[in-house]
Amino acid sequence: MLKPTAVRDIITRANPYLKRDPDKLQVFLDSGRIVARGAASLSYEYRYTLTIIVQDFPNHADQIILPMLAYLRTQQPELFENVELSNNLIRFDAEVINQDLIDLSMQVDLTERVIVAQQDGKLTATHVGEPALPDFPEQDISIELVNKKTGEVLGVFTAPAWNPQF
């Protein structure tokens, strides 16, 4: 499973707080299952709920949500295009520790396709990305989170260009 590591990376890169203290970010997979059909190959799909927990976060939750949305837009696009799925895109709970800190827990349902093929008498498994959508950028997009009142840059991250592999 590749997406949990990618999610952890993009959230960390967008947050100086998590860069300094990466142990405050925890990522778990819950309710995982494998879906496979009676097709000619053994191809399958991982389906799971990704749980992201950020502890003692001193900033606004937008600094976690925005990088997640940017990642999901390219790596799980069907969540935005299906009304039922988009209504439950990211579920969250937050505990207000004090006026400066929160604990934030988010859940999002993810899938990862795995194509199984026979090569040289052996089975190989290849993780494949999501199909490209026409409105995706063809180059990386740099995104800055800026405090409008102070002009302070709160975080910077790059949303990767869509690069389908065939």
Protein backbone atom coordinates (compact mmCIF):
# COMPACT_ATOMS: atom_id res chain seq x y z
CA MET A 1 0.00 0.00 0.00
CA LEU A 2 1.54 3.22 -1.19
CA LYS A 3 -0.97 5.97 -0.39
CA PRO A 4 -0.51 6.11 3.41
CA THR A 5 3.16 7.02 3.03
CA ALA A 6 2.36 9.62 0.35
CA VAL A 7 -0.33 11.21 2.54
CA ARG A 8 2.05 11.36 5.49
CA ASP A 9 4.69 12.98 3.28
CA ILE A 10 2.45 15.71 1.82
CA ILE A 11 0.98 16.65 5.21
CA THR A 12 4.45 16.81 6.77
CA ARG A 13 5.89 18.90 3.92
CA ALA A 14 3.03 21.41 4.28
CA ASN A 15 3.54 21.93 8.01
CA PRO A 16 6.65 23.32 9.69
CA TYR A 17 5.30 22.04 13.02
CA LEU A 18 5.24 18.46 11.73
CA LYS A 19 8.62 18.86 10.05
CA ARG A 20 10.06 19.73 13.46
CA ASP A 21 8.15 17.02 15.32
CA PRO A 22 7.05 14.27 12.89
CA ASP A 23 6.05 11.96 15.76
CA LYS A 24 2.98 14.19 16.29
CA LEU A 25 1.57 12.76 13.04
CA GLN A 26 0.27 9.20 13.12
CA VAL A 27 -1.18 7.30 10.16
CA PHE A 28 -3.21 4.09 10.49
CA LEU A 29 -5.10 1.80 8.13
CA ASP A 30 -8.44 0.58 9.45
CA SER A 31 -11.14 -1.74 8.11
CA GLY A 32 -8.91 -2.97 5.31
CA ARG A 33 -10.15 -5.46 2.76
CA ILE A 34 -9.09 -6.96 -0.54
CA VAL A 35 -11.55 -6.93 -3.42
CA ALA A 36 -11.01 -9.36 -6.29
CA ARG A 37 -13.34 -10.65 -9.00
CA GLY A 38 -13.49 -13.86 -10.96
CA ALA A 39 -11.56 -12.42 -13.88
CA ALA A 40 -8.84 -14.13 -15.88
CA SER A 41 -6.12 -12.50 -13.76
CA LEU A 42 -5.58 -12.29 -10.02
CA SER A 43 -5.71 -8.48 -10.07
CA TYR A 44 -7.21 -6.95 -6.95
CA GLU A 45 -7.90 -3.75 -5.09
CA TYR A 46 -7.02 -2.64 -1.58
CA ARG A 47 -9.86 -0.79 0.15
CA TYR A 48 -9.31 0.74 3.56
CA THR A 49 -9.99 3.69 5.81
CA LEU A 50 -6.93 5.83 6.34
CA THR A 51 -6.87 7.45 9.77
CA ILE A 52 -4.63 10.46 10.27
CA ILE A 53 -4.04 11.80 13.78
CA VAL A 54 -2.22 15.04 14.53
CA GLN A 55 -1.50 15.67 18.20
CA ASP A 56 -1.02 19.01 19.96
CA PHE A 57 -1.43 20.93 16.69
CA PRO A 58 -0.88 24.66 17.27
CA ASN A 59 -2.30 25.88 13.94
CA HIS A 60 -5.59 25.92 12.08
CA ALA A 61 -6.90 22.58 10.79
CA ASP A 62 -6.81 24.05 7.25
CA GLN A 63 -3.07 23.33 7.24
CA ILE A 64 -3.90 19.62 7.37
CA ILE A 65 -7.10 19.63 5.30
CA LEU A 66 -5.79 21.58 2.27
CA PRO A 67 -2.81 19.30 1.55
CA MET A 68 -5.13 16.29 1.98
CA LEU A 69 -7.64 17.71 -0.51
CA ALA A 70 -4.87 18.47 -3.02
CA TYR A 71 -3.57 14.92 -2.72
CA LEU A 72 -7.01 13.32 -2.96
CA ARG A 73 -7.97 15.40 -6.01
CA THR A 74 -5.29 13.68 -8.06
CA GLN A 75 -4.93 10.34 -6.26
CA GLN A 76 -8.57 9.51 -5.43
CA PRO A 77 -10.57 11.71 -7.87
CA GLU A 78 -13.80 9.70 -7.71
CA LEU A 79 -14.30 11.01 -4.18
CA PHE A 80 -15.00 14.45 -5.71
CA GLU A 81 -17.13 13.32 -8.64
CA ASN A 82 -19.66 11.15 -6.86
CA VAL A 83 -22.04 13.19 -4.67
CA GLU A 84 -22.49 10.41 -2.15
CA LEU A 85 -18.74 9.90 -1.80
CA SER A 86 -17.99 13.64 -1.70
CA ASN A 87 -20.51 14.12 1.12
CA ASN A 88 -18.27 11.92 3.28
CA LEU A 89 -14.94 12.87 1.72
CA ILE A 90 -13.02 13.45 4.95
CA ARG A 91 -14.54 12.65 8.31
CA PHE A 92 -12.92 14.18 11.37
CA ASP A 93 -12.97 14.60 15.12
CA ALA A 94 -11.11 17.26 17.05
CA GLU A 95 -10.33 17.75 20.69
CA VAL A 96 -9.62 21.29 21.79
CA ILE A 97 -6.77 20.84 24.27
CA ASN A 98 -6.60 24.53 25.16
CA GLN A 99 -6.98 27.81 23.29
CA ASP A 100 -3.76 27.13 21.37
CA LEU A 101 -3.73 23.36 20.69
CA ILE A 102 -5.96 20.71 19.14
CA ASP A 103 -5.77 17.00 18.55
CA LEU A 104 -7.19 16.25 15.10
CA SER A 105 -8.27 12.85 13.83
CA MET A 106 -9.35 12.43 10.19
CA GLN A 107 -10.61 9.43 8.26
CA VAL A 108 -10.79 9.01 4.50
CA ASP A 109 -11.69 5.92 2.47
CA LEU A 110 -9.00 5.00 -0.06
CA THR A 111 -8.46 2.38 -2.73
CA GLU A 112 -5.36 1.12 -4.52
CA ARG A 113 -5.50 -1.02 -7.65
CA VAL A 114 -3.01 -3.81 -8.20
CA ILE A 115 -2.65 -5.40 -11.63
CA VAL A 116 -1.39 -8.97 -11.52
CA ALA A 117 0.19 -10.35 -14.69
CA GLN A 118 2.25 -13.36 -15.59
CA GLN A 119 5.74 -12.60 -16.89
CA ASP A 120 8.39 -15.21 -17.56
CA GLY A 121 6.32 -17.83 -15.76
CA LYS A 122 5.97 -15.73 -12.59
CA LEU A 123 3.16 -13.59 -11.26
CA THR A 124 3.98 -9.90 -10.86
CA ALA A 125 1.95 -7.29 -9.00
CA THR A 126 2.01 -3.67 -10.20
CA HIS A 127 0.33 -0.84 -8.32
CA VAL A 128 -1.34 1.50 -10.80
CA GLY A 129 -2.37 5.11 -10.37
CA GLU A 130 -5.76 6.63 -10.91
CA PRO A 131 -7.01 7.43 -14.41
CA ALA A 132 -6.27 10.99 -15.51
CA LEU A 133 -9.03 13.57 -15.58
CA PRO A 134 -8.94 16.34 -18.20
CA ASP A 135 -8.82 19.22 -15.70
CA PHE A 136 -5.62 18.05 -13.99
CA PRO A 137 -2.53 20.21 -14.41
CA GLU A 138 0.33 18.88 -16.47
CA GLN A 139 2.96 20.40 -14.17
CA ASP A 140 3.53 20.52 -10.43
CA ILE A 141 1.67 23.27 -8.57
CA SER A 142 3.32 24.97 -5.61
CA ILE A 143 0.84 25.98 -2.91
CA GLU A 144 1.57 28.38 -0.06
CA LEU A 145 -0.59 28.72 3.02
CA VAL A 146 -0.36 32.38 4.07
CA ASN A 147 -1.81 34.18 7.08
CA LYS A 148 -3.67 37.07 5.41
CA LYS A 149 -3.37 39.29 8.48
CA THR A 150 0.38 38.96 9.00
CA GLY A 151 1.62 37.78 5.61
CA GLU A 152 3.44 34.94 7.37
CA VAL A 153 3.92 31.81 5.27
CA LEU A 154 2.40 29.00 7.34
CA GLY A 155 3.35 26.15 5.05
CA VAL A 156 4.41 25.28 1.51
CA PHE A 157 3.81 22.11 -0.43
CA THR A 158 3.71 20.93 -4.01
CA ALA A 159 0.71 19.21 -5.53
CA PRO A 160 2.23 16.84 -8.07
CA ALA A 161 1.33 17.03 -11.75
CA TRP A 162 -0.77 14.20 -13.07
CA ASN A 163 1.56 11.72 -14.72
CA PRO A 164 -0.31 8.57 -15.75
CA GLN A 165 1.72 5.44 -16.35
CA PHE A 166 0.70 2.92 -18.97
